[in-house]
Amino acid sequence: MIQNDTIIALATPAGVGAIAVIRLSGAAAIRTVNQFFAPVKKGKDLLTQKTHTLHLGHIVQGTKVLDQVLVSIFKNPHSYTGENVVEISCHGSSFIQQEIIQLFLQNGCRMADNGEFTMRAFLNGKMDLSQAEAVADVIASNSAASHQVAIQQMRGGITNELKELRGQLLDFAALIELELDFSGEDVEFADRTKFKELVATISSVLKRLIDSFAFGNAMKNGIPVAIIGEPNVGKSTLLNALLNEEKAIVSDIAGTTRDAIEDEVIIDGVAFRFIDTAGIRETEDVVENIGIQKAYEKAEAAQLIIFLINAEKYLNNAAEFHSEIRSVKERFPNKRLLVLVNKIDRVHTEVLNALTTDREEFILLSAKEKIGIDALQAALTSLVNTGALSNNETIVTNSRHFEALTLALESIESVKNGIELDISSDLFAIDIRECLRHLGNITGEYDVDKDILGHIFGNFCIGK
């Protein structure tokens, strides 16, 4: 799978800008650029220059000067890809970019595929597969939390977490295999007590990493928060207040929102994906009923639910007020629920106090006047377990890693059961190998199918 040709691509976003960076990688990268580089300092040959150096000059095609550029040289193996790499910083004209790229395409280079620079870095041992995948997550990160998780992964978070345990399991696996070679002599080379302790430790670590996926995936893609409540309770107004723009239509007509409206807001470095749903009520309207069903589905899929209740409706009926809240909690027993009492600007304070005797259970606000929005934002961030982030714990965000960890856990649990039942080593030796294979698939230490690599790196942008 290792390529020997030289690839080229634009490493900066397409379009017009102050500068653009064109990247080449391959054994002939420096030699290729050297043919068309006219240095400002006469006689300077790129082939004889040290790695990690910058050189000012012009890219020329015969007597035609294409642009004045700054050329960066990175010689193998001390480069991102582990090959000779050249980066050409030129002016950001789209015309200039294409002129330079076409020049090298006509002289031995080919266009890089999506993520091919990073794939070469992986194939050349510059990073493992989990770190390579994290590169795309760093580029795509849109909040402080998602960026922190991606950086931790790119620095080898999950690799470091599993490396020592995997090494110890390999050692025991070798001893178990040795026992099989002497099966007729009834000997044990692997200390069963220590082996049992290691298996229990591996099982515990795998469970913790698997459990972190729900949080990590939410950090990566935004925590889904469903806003539910009756029609005209102020759901759309609340969404607009959180977004600080008129995203949703606000009307006094009940049932205006018939489909879910979504948008993202970053609060204290964490991305929240708010979903404004249709008002929940009894209705004969077929279309509105479809919207209400979607509202329940969105609430079931969300990690957090905001239940908005109209303070005006229950001025003289505190019992019904609390009954309504209980019914929502019973419908979503496993969800984190925030109860918001809206339209407090229209209710006398004494009446409001009578309704909300336990203030810790409610957040009082007026979505229209933007009263209580700060308290809501604080409550949202408090419900997110950011302790794992601040403690720099390994957090799984990649579904491929999640699947591999789950399969590894199944295998190690089979080993654990085999030890407890005192079954023959040859029966659980297979499960040990399976566990090692699944863990190795995360980092690419086992042979990874070409189609899997193509899928992983095909999601990258060209030039990375």
Protein backbone atom coordinates (compact mmCIF):
# COMPACT_ATOMS: atom_id res chain seq x y z
CA MET A 1 0.00 0.00 0.00
CA ILE A 2 3.02 2.33 0.39
CA GLN A 3 3.27 4.68 -2.60
CA ASN A 4 6.58 5.78 -4.12
CA ASP A 5 5.19 8.54 -6.31
CA THR A 6 5.03 12.23 -5.46
CA ILE A 7 1.68 13.75 -4.59
CA ILE A 8 0.58 17.38 -4.58
CA ALA A 9 -2.42 19.28 -3.22
CA LEU A 10 -3.52 22.65 -1.95
CA ALA A 11 -3.15 22.52 1.84
CA THR A 12 -5.08 25.72 2.54
CA PRO A 13 -8.78 26.32 1.78
CA ALA A 14 -9.64 26.84 -1.87
CA GLY A 15 -10.38 30.40 -2.93
CA VAL A 16 -8.73 33.79 -2.78
CA GLY A 17 -6.64 34.77 0.25
CA ALA A 18 -3.47 36.55 1.27
CA ILE A 19 -1.40 33.38 0.82
CA ALA A 20 -1.92 29.75 -0.16
CA VAL A 21 0.16 26.71 0.73
CA ILE A 22 0.77 23.95 -1.79
CA ARG A 23 2.14 20.71 -0.37
CA LEU A 24 4.16 17.98 -2.10
CA SER A 25 5.25 14.66 -0.59
CA GLY A 26 7.33 11.83 -2.01
CA ALA A 27 10.90 10.77 -2.68
CA ALA A 28 11.17 13.17 -5.64
CA ALA A 29 9.38 16.13 -4.04
CA ILE A 30 12.47 18.29 -3.40
CA ARG A 31 14.07 17.40 -6.75
CA THR A 32 10.83 18.22 -8.61
CA VAL A 33 10.43 21.64 -7.01
CA ASN A 34 14.13 22.38 -7.44
CA GLN A 35 13.74 22.17 -11.24
CA PHE A 36 11.39 25.15 -11.26
CA PHE A 37 12.71 27.16 -8.31
CA ALA A 38 14.82 30.26 -8.94
CA PRO A 39 16.23 31.34 -5.56
CA VAL A 40 16.76 35.01 -4.74
CA LYS A 41 20.20 34.02 -3.49
CA LYS A 42 21.94 32.75 -6.63
CA GLY A 43 23.36 29.25 -6.66
CA LYS A 44 21.22 27.94 -3.83
CA ASP A 45 20.30 24.34 -4.68
CA LEU A 46 17.32 22.98 -2.71
CA LEU A 47 18.77 19.47 -2.84
CA THR A 48 21.75 20.52 -0.72
CA GLN A 49 19.81 22.54 1.86
CA LYS A 50 19.18 21.33 5.41
CA THR A 51 15.81 20.03 6.51
CA HIS A 52 13.34 22.42 8.12
CA THR A 53 14.64 25.47 6.24
CA LEU A 54 12.88 28.28 4.34
CA HIS A 55 13.97 29.65 0.96
CA LEU A 56 12.76 32.75 -0.88
CA GLY A 57 12.60 32.68 -4.64
CA HIS A 58 10.37 32.35 -7.69
CA ILE A 59 8.56 29.47 -9.34
CA VAL A 60 9.42 29.73 -13.03
CA GLN A 61 8.29 27.91 -16.14
CA GLY A 62 10.96 28.54 -18.72
CA THR A 63 11.28 32.31 -18.89
CA LYS A 64 7.84 32.84 -17.34
CA VAL A 65 7.70 33.76 -13.65
CA LEU A 66 4.59 32.27 -12.03
CA ASP A 67 5.01 33.81 -8.57
CA GLN A 68 7.38 34.82 -5.83
CA VAL A 69 7.22 32.11 -3.17
CA LEU A 70 8.61 30.87 0.11
CA VAL A 71 9.64 27.20 -0.04
CA SER A 72 9.78 25.06 3.12
CA ILE A 73 11.84 21.85 3.03
CA PHE A 74 11.30 18.83 5.29
CA LYS A 75 13.56 15.87 4.54
CA ASN A 76 12.67 12.29 5.37
CA PRO A 77 12.19 10.90 7.91
CA HIS A 78 11.78 14.21 9.76
CA SER A 79 8.54 15.31 8.14
CA TYR A 80 4.79 14.94 8.63
CA THR A 81 4.56 12.04 6.18
CA GLY A 82 7.98 10.53 6.84
CA GLU A 83 8.89 11.31 3.21
CA ASN A 84 10.50 14.32 1.57
CA VAL A 85 7.96 17.13 1.90
CA VAL A 86 7.95 20.57 0.30
CA GLU A 87 5.46 23.31 1.11
CA ILE A 88 5.22 26.26 -1.27
CA SER A 89 3.74 29.44 0.19
CA CYS A 90 2.51 31.53 -2.74
CA HIS A 91 0.14 34.44 -3.16
CA GLY A 92 -3.50 33.50 -2.62
CA SER A 93 -4.76 34.05 -6.15
CA SER A 94 -6.77 31.06 -7.42
CA PHE A 95 -5.09 31.52 -10.79
CA ILE A 96 -1.59 31.36 -9.28
CA GLN A 97 -2.47 28.31 -7.19
CA GLN A 98 -3.69 26.39 -10.22
CA GLU A 99 -0.76 27.51 -12.40
CA ILE A 100 1.76 26.12 -9.90
CA ILE A 101 -0.18 22.90 -9.28
CA GLN A 102 -0.62 22.27 -13.01
CA LEU A 103 3.11 22.84 -13.58
CA PHE A 104 4.01 20.05 -11.18
CA LEU A 105 1.22 17.76 -12.37
CA GLN A 106 2.79 17.99 -15.83
CA ASN A 107 6.19 17.10 -14.42
CA GLY A 108 5.81 13.85 -12.50
CA CYS A 109 3.39 14.63 -9.68
CA ARG A 110 -0.18 13.51 -9.24
CA MET A 111 -3.06 14.98 -7.24
CA ALA A 112 -3.28 13.65 -3.69
CA ASP A 113 -6.37 11.73 -2.66
CA ASN A 114 -8.40 12.75 0.38
CA GLY A 115 -6.26 12.35 3.49
CA GLU A 116 -3.37 10.82 1.58
CA PHE A 117 -0.69 12.88 3.35
CA THR A 118 -1.94 11.61 6.70
CA MET A 119 -2.32 8.07 5.35
CA ARG A 120 1.34 8.15 4.33
CA ALA A 121 2.22 9.41 7.81
CA PHE A 122 0.45 6.36 9.24
CA LEU A 123 1.96 3.90 6.76
CA ASN A 124 5.44 5.31 7.41
CA GLY A 125 5.06 4.94 11.17
CA LYS A 126 4.86 8.65 12.03
CA MET A 127 1.63 8.10 13.95
CA ASP A 128 -0.71 5.23 14.76
CA LEU A 129 -4.16 4.88 13.22
CA SER A 130 -6.06 6.39 16.15
CA GLN A 131 -3.79 9.46 16.05
CA ALA A 132 -4.27 9.76 12.29
CA GLU A 133 -8.05 9.72 12.72
CA ALA A 134 -7.74 12.41 15.39
CA VAL A 135 -6.15 14.75 12.83
CA ALA A 136 -9.51 14.99 11.05
CA ASP A 137 -11.24 15.61 14.39
CA VAL A 138 -8.86 18.47 15.21
CA ILE A 139 -9.61 20.08 11.85
CA ALA A 140 -13.36 19.62 12.33
CA SER A 141 -13.47 20.74 15.99
CA ASN A 142 -15.82 23.69 16.50
CA SER A 143 -15.66 24.14 20.27
CA ALA A 144 -13.06 24.18 23.03
CA ALA A 145 -14.31 20.84 24.35
CA SER A 146 -14.24 19.01 20.99
CA HIS A 147 -10.81 20.52 20.27
CA GLN A 148 -9.43 19.37 23.62
CA VAL A 149 -10.72 15.82 23.13
CA ALA A 150 -9.25 15.66 19.60
CA ILE A 151 -5.87 17.03 20.69
CA GLN A 152 -5.69 14.53 23.54
CA GLN A 153 -6.41 11.74 21.05
CA MET A 154 -3.86 13.04 18.52
CA ARG A 155 -1.22 12.99 21.25
CA GLY A 156 -1.86 9.27 21.69
CA GLY A 157 -4.47 9.25 24.44
CA ILE A 158 -6.14 5.91 23.76
CA THR A 159 -2.85 4.40 22.57
CA ASN A 160 -1.10 5.23 25.83
CA GLU A 161 -4.13 4.02 27.78
CA LEU A 162 -4.01 0.56 26.21
CA LYS A 163 -0.31 0.13 25.37
CA GLU A 164 0.93 -1.22 28.72
CA LEU A 165 -2.11 -3.44 29.30
CA ARG A 166 -1.87 -4.82 25.78
CA GLY A 167 1.84 -5.51 26.28
CA GLN A 168 1.16 -7.42 29.49
CA LEU A 169 -1.61 -9.38 27.80
CA LEU A 170 0.79 -10.24 24.96
CA ASP A 171 3.29 -11.58 27.50
CA PHE A 172 0.67 -13.78 29.11
CA ALA A 173 -0.60 -14.86 25.69
CA ALA A 174 2.91 -16.06 24.84
CA LEU A 175 3.04 -18.08 28.06
CA ILE A 176 -0.40 -19.57 27.39
CA GLU A 177 0.71 -20.55 23.87
CA LEU A 178 3.81 -22.12 25.40
CA GLU A 179 1.62 -24.18 27.71
CA LEU A 180 -0.22 -25.51 24.67
CA ASP A 181 3.10 -26.71 23.23
CA PHE A 182 3.64 -28.72 26.43
CA SER A 183 0.02 -29.73 26.90
CA GLY A 184 0.94 -33.37 27.36
CA GLU A 185 3.14 -32.58 30.36
CA ASP A 186 0.47 -30.72 32.38
CA VAL A 187 2.58 -27.63 33.17
CA GLU A 188 1.55 -23.99 33.76
CA PHE A 189 3.90 -21.18 32.76
CA ALA A 190 1.36 -18.38 33.29
CA ASP A 191 0.60 -17.46 36.90
CA ARG A 192 -3.20 -17.81 37.00
CA THR A 193 -3.63 -15.41 39.94
CA LYS A 194 -1.70 -12.60 38.23
CA PHE A 195 -3.36 -13.39 34.92
CA LYS A 196 -6.78 -13.15 36.54
CA GLU A 197 -5.85 -9.75 38.02
CA LEU A 198 -4.67 -8.49 34.62
CA VAL A 199 -7.86 -9.66 32.90
CA ALA A 200 -9.96 -7.88 35.54
CA THR A 201 -7.92 -4.68 35.07
CA ILE A 202 -8.26 -4.82 31.28
CA SER A 203 -12.00 -5.42 31.60
CA SER A 204 -12.34 -2.39 33.91
CA VAL A 205 -10.36 -0.11 31.58
CA LEU A 206 -12.34 -1.22 28.53
CA LYS A 207 -15.66 -0.61 30.31
CA ARG A 208 -14.55 2.89 31.31
CA LEU A 209 -13.49 3.73 27.76
CA ILE A 210 -16.73 2.32 26.32
CA ASP A 211 -18.79 4.33 28.83
CA SER A 212 -16.93 7.50 27.81
CA PHE A 213 -18.17 7.21 24.21
CA ALA A 214 -21.61 8.72 24.85
CA PHE A 215 -19.99 11.80 26.39
CA GLY A 216 -17.17 11.93 23.83
CA ASN A 217 -19.50 11.63 20.86
CA ALA A 218 -21.63 14.44 22.28
CA MET A 219 -18.53 16.62 22.77
CA LYS A 220 -17.56 15.95 19.18
CA ASN A 221 -20.94 16.51 17.53
CA GLY A 222 -22.69 18.76 20.04
CA ILE A 223 -24.90 17.72 22.98
CA PRO A 224 -28.49 17.35 21.71
CA VAL A 225 -31.00 19.26 23.88
CA ALA A 226 -34.72 18.93 23.11
CA ILE A 227 -37.02 21.81 24.08
CA ILE A 228 -40.51 20.44 24.76
CA GLY A 229 -43.75 21.84 26.12
CA GLU A 230 -47.30 22.81 25.20
CA PRO A 231 -48.07 25.13 22.25
CA ASN A 232 -47.42 28.84 22.86
CA VAL A 233 -45.38 28.16 25.97
CA GLY A 234 -42.41 30.01 24.47
CA LYS A 235 -40.21 27.26 23.02
CA SER A 236 -39.39 29.11 19.81
CA THR A 237 -38.83 32.34 21.73
CA LEU A 238 -36.41 30.50 24.02
CA LEU A 239 -34.52 29.04 21.06
CA ASN A 240 -34.21 32.50 19.53
CA ALA A 241 -32.97 33.90 22.85
CA LEU A 242 -30.32 31.19 23.14
CA LEU A 243 -29.20 31.67 19.54
CA ASN A 244 -29.48 35.44 19.80
CA GLU A 245 -31.23 35.52 16.43
CA GLU A 246 -34.71 35.01 14.96
CA LYS A 247 -34.23 31.40 13.93
CA ALA A 248 -37.71 30.09 14.73
CA ILE A 249 -41.07 31.67 13.83
CA VAL A 250 -42.80 33.14 16.88
CA SER A 251 -46.59 33.49 16.77
CA ASP A 252 -49.57 33.64 19.11
CA ILE A 253 -51.24 31.01 16.94
CA ALA A 254 -51.00 27.60 18.60
CA GLY A 255 -49.20 24.90 16.63
CA THR A 256 -46.98 27.23 14.56
CA THR A 257 -43.96 24.91 14.94
CA ARG A 258 -44.78 21.63 13.22
CA ASP A 259 -41.30 20.32 12.52
CA ALA A 260 -38.13 20.24 14.62
CA ILE A 261 -35.82 23.24 14.21
CA GLU A 262 -32.19 22.70 15.19
CA ASP A 263 -29.20 24.94 15.72
CA GLU A 264 -25.98 24.91 17.70
CA VAL A 265 -24.70 27.22 20.44
CA ILE A 266 -21.34 27.05 22.21
CA ILE A 267 -21.62 27.71 25.95
CA ASP A 268 -18.42 27.79 28.03
CA GLY A 269 -16.56 25.85 25.35
CA VAL A 270 -19.21 23.12 25.01
CA ALA A 271 -21.39 22.80 21.90
CA PHE A 272 -25.12 22.31 22.54
CA ARG A 273 -27.47 21.36 19.71
CA PHE A 274 -30.87 22.82 20.63
CA ILE A 275 -33.98 21.31 19.05
CA ASP A 276 -37.20 23.32 19.06
CA THR A 277 -40.08 20.83 18.78
CA ALA A 278 -43.78 21.03 18.02
CA GLY A 279 -46.08 21.91 20.90
CA ILE A 280 -47.41 18.84 22.71
CA ARG A 281 -51.20 18.76 23.02
CA GLU A 282 -54.31 16.83 21.98
CA THR A 283 -55.26 17.81 18.42
CA GLU A 284 -57.24 16.53 15.42
CA ASP A 285 -54.79 18.12 12.97
CA VAL A 286 -53.00 15.26 11.15
CA VAL A 287 -49.93 17.33 10.23
CA GLU A 288 -49.60 18.75 13.75
CA ASN A 289 -49.89 15.23 15.20
CA ILE A 290 -46.95 14.14 13.04
CA GLY A 291 -44.96 17.07 14.47
CA ILE A 292 -45.92 16.07 18.02
CA GLN A 293 -44.77 12.50 17.38
CA LYS A 294 -41.48 13.88 16.08
CA ALA A 295 -41.18 15.97 19.25
CA TYR A 296 -41.34 12.81 21.38
CA GLU A 297 -38.80 11.09 19.12
CA LYS A 298 -36.39 14.03 19.38
CA ALA A 299 -36.78 14.06 23.15
CA GLU A 300 -36.04 10.34 23.34
CA ALA A 301 -32.89 10.80 21.23
CA ALA A 302 -31.65 13.88 23.13
CA GLN A 303 -29.20 13.73 26.02
CA LEU A 304 -30.88 16.63 27.83
CA ILE A 305 -34.51 17.75 27.86
CA ILE A 306 -35.74 21.25 28.60
CA PHE A 307 -39.38 21.15 29.68
CA LEU A 308 -40.91 24.59 29.31
CA ILE A 309 -44.03 25.35 31.34
CA ASN A 310 -46.19 28.48 31.28
CA ALA A 311 -46.41 30.10 34.72
CA GLU A 312 -49.62 31.99 33.71
CA LYS A 313 -51.56 28.80 33.09
CA TYR A 314 -51.30 27.55 36.67
CA LEU A 315 -51.90 30.76 38.66
CA ASN A 316 -54.63 29.17 40.76
CA ASN A 317 -53.72 25.51 40.41
CA ALA A 318 -50.37 24.55 41.94
CA ALA A 319 -51.42 20.88 42.14
CA GLU A 320 -51.89 20.67 38.36
CA PHE A 321 -48.58 22.52 37.90
CA HIS A 322 -46.67 19.84 39.83
CA SER A 323 -48.72 17.03 38.27
CA GLU A 324 -47.72 18.21 34.78
CA ILE A 325 -44.04 18.16 35.74
CA ARG A 326 -44.32 14.68 37.29
CA SER A 327 -45.94 13.29 34.13
CA VAL A 328 -43.05 14.52 31.97
CA LYS A 329 -40.48 13.05 34.37
CA GLU A 330 -42.33 9.74 34.29
CA ARG A 331 -42.41 9.75 30.47
CA PHE A 332 -38.63 10.31 30.30
CA PRO A 333 -37.35 8.58 33.46
CA ASN A 334 -33.80 8.08 32.19
CA LYS A 335 -33.25 11.57 30.81
CA ARG A 336 -31.65 14.59 32.41
CA LEU A 337 -34.50 17.08 32.69
CA LEU A 338 -34.46 20.83 33.24
CA VAL A 339 -37.81 22.37 34.18
CA LEU A 340 -38.15 25.99 33.07
CA VAL A 341 -41.01 28.14 34.35
CA ASN A 342 -41.51 30.71 31.60
CA LYS A 343 -43.29 34.07 31.32
CA ILE A 344 -42.45 35.11 34.89
CA ASP A 345 -42.66 38.74 33.76
CA ARG A 346 -46.45 38.31 33.57
CA VAL A 347 -46.95 36.72 37.01
CA HIS A 348 -46.97 38.41 40.40
CA THR A 349 -43.98 37.38 42.55
CA GLU A 350 -46.11 36.08 45.43
CA VAL A 351 -48.11 33.82 43.12
CA LEU A 352 -44.91 32.61 41.49
CA ASN A 353 -43.40 31.80 44.89
CA ALA A 354 -46.45 29.74 45.76
CA LEU A 355 -46.02 27.68 42.59
CA THR A 356 -42.27 27.14 42.90
CA THR A 357 -41.69 26.50 46.58
CA ASP A 358 -38.64 24.34 45.84
CA ARG A 359 -36.51 26.71 43.79
CA GLU A 360 -33.77 24.10 43.22
CA GLU A 361 -36.14 22.13 41.03
CA PHE A 362 -36.97 24.94 38.61
CA ILE A 363 -35.37 27.71 36.60
CA LEU A 364 -37.46 30.87 36.40
CA LEU A 365 -37.21 32.88 33.22
CA SER A 366 -38.84 35.08 30.67
CA ALA A 367 -37.65 33.96 27.24
CA LYS A 368 -39.16 37.08 25.66
CA GLU A 369 -37.33 39.48 28.00
CA LYS A 370 -34.25 37.22 28.17
CA ILE A 371 -34.52 36.98 31.96
CA GLY A 372 -32.92 33.83 33.40
CA ILE A 373 -31.00 32.87 30.24
CA ASP A 374 -27.68 33.08 32.13
CA ALA A 375 -29.04 30.76 34.83
CA LEU A 376 -30.18 28.31 32.14
CA GLN A 377 -26.77 28.33 30.47
CA ALA A 378 -25.07 27.71 33.82
CA ALA A 379 -27.45 24.81 34.54
CA LEU A 380 -26.76 23.26 31.14
CA THR A 381 -22.99 23.30 31.57
CA SER A 382 -23.31 21.95 35.12
CA LEU A 383 -25.15 18.90 33.76
CA VAL A 384 -22.26 18.09 31.43
CA ASN A 385 -19.51 16.03 33.02
CA THR A 386 -16.55 18.21 32.07
CA GLY A 387 -14.47 16.72 34.89
CA ALA A 388 -13.09 14.12 32.48
CA LEU A 389 -11.92 16.95 30.24
CA SER A 390 -10.22 18.93 32.99
CA ASN A 391 -8.53 15.75 34.29
CA ASN A 392 -7.23 14.97 30.78
CA GLU A 393 -8.86 11.54 30.84
CA THR A 394 -9.03 9.49 27.66
CA ILE A 395 -12.42 10.01 26.03
CA VAL A 396 -13.56 7.87 23.10
CA THR A 397 -15.21 9.84 20.29
CA ASN A 398 -14.70 7.52 17.33
CA SER A 399 -17.40 4.94 16.53
CA ARG A 400 -14.80 2.58 15.03
CA HIS A 401 -12.87 2.63 18.31
CA PHE A 402 -16.10 2.11 20.24
CA GLU A 403 -16.94 -0.98 18.19
CA ALA A 404 -13.40 -2.41 18.57
CA LEU A 405 -13.42 -1.80 22.34
CA THR A 406 -16.82 -3.47 22.66
CA LEU A 407 -15.60 -6.55 20.79
CA ALA A 408 -12.38 -6.60 22.84
CA LEU A 409 -14.45 -6.48 26.04
CA GLU A 410 -16.57 -9.43 24.88
CA SER A 411 -13.39 -11.42 24.23
CA ILE A 412 -11.74 -10.55 27.56
CA GLU A 413 -14.96 -11.37 29.43
CA SER A 414 -14.89 -14.81 27.78
CA VAL A 415 -11.29 -15.21 28.99
CA LYS A 416 -12.36 -14.15 32.49
CA ASN A 417 -15.18 -16.71 32.51
CA GLY A 418 -12.80 -19.38 31.23
CA ILE A 419 -10.36 -18.79 34.08
CA GLU A 420 -13.14 -18.87 36.69
CA LEU A 421 -14.48 -22.13 35.25
CA ASP A 422 -10.94 -23.53 35.12
CA ILE A 423 -11.31 -24.59 31.51
CA SER A 424 -8.42 -25.73 29.36
CA SER A 425 -5.99 -23.03 28.17
CA ASP A 426 -6.49 -23.87 24.51
CA LEU A 427 -10.16 -22.86 24.76
CA PHE A 428 -9.61 -19.29 26.02
CA ALA A 429 -6.32 -18.77 24.10
CA ILE A 430 -8.50 -18.02 21.07
CA ASP A 431 -10.33 -15.29 23.00
CA ILE A 432 -7.01 -13.76 24.09
CA ARG A 433 -5.89 -13.53 20.46
CA GLU A 434 -9.24 -12.02 19.50
CA CYS A 435 -8.94 -9.37 22.23
CA LEU A 436 -5.41 -8.49 21.08
CA ARG A 437 -6.60 -8.27 17.48
CA HIS A 438 -9.45 -5.88 18.31
CA LEU A 439 -7.17 -3.65 20.40
CA GLY A 440 -4.57 -3.70 17.63
CA ASN A 441 -7.19 -2.62 15.10
CA ILE A 442 -7.65 0.64 17.00
CA THR A 443 -4.03 1.70 16.57
CA GLY A 444 -3.36 -0.17 13.33
CA GLU A 445 -0.83 -2.55 14.93
CA TYR A 446 -2.65 -5.44 13.26
CA ASP A 447 -3.02 -5.50 9.49
CA VAL A 448 -5.87 -3.17 8.60
CA ASP A 449 -7.94 -3.85 5.52
CA LYS A 450 -7.25 -1.50 2.61
CA ASP A 451 -10.96 -0.73 2.26
CA ILE A 452 -11.11 0.32 5.93
CA LEU A 453 -8.15 2.67 5.45
CA GLY A 454 -9.79 4.05 2.32
CA HIS A 455 -12.98 4.75 4.27
CA ILE A 456 -11.12 6.41 7.16
CA PHE A 457 -8.92 8.70 5.09
CA GLY A 458 -11.56 9.28 2.44
CA ASN A 459 -13.38 11.45 4.99
CA PHE A 460 -10.40 13.82 5.24
CA CYS A 461 -10.04 16.95 3.18
CA ILE A 462 -7.65 16.93 0.24
CA GLY A 463 -4.27 18.32 1.28
CA LYS A 464 -4.25 16.74 4.74
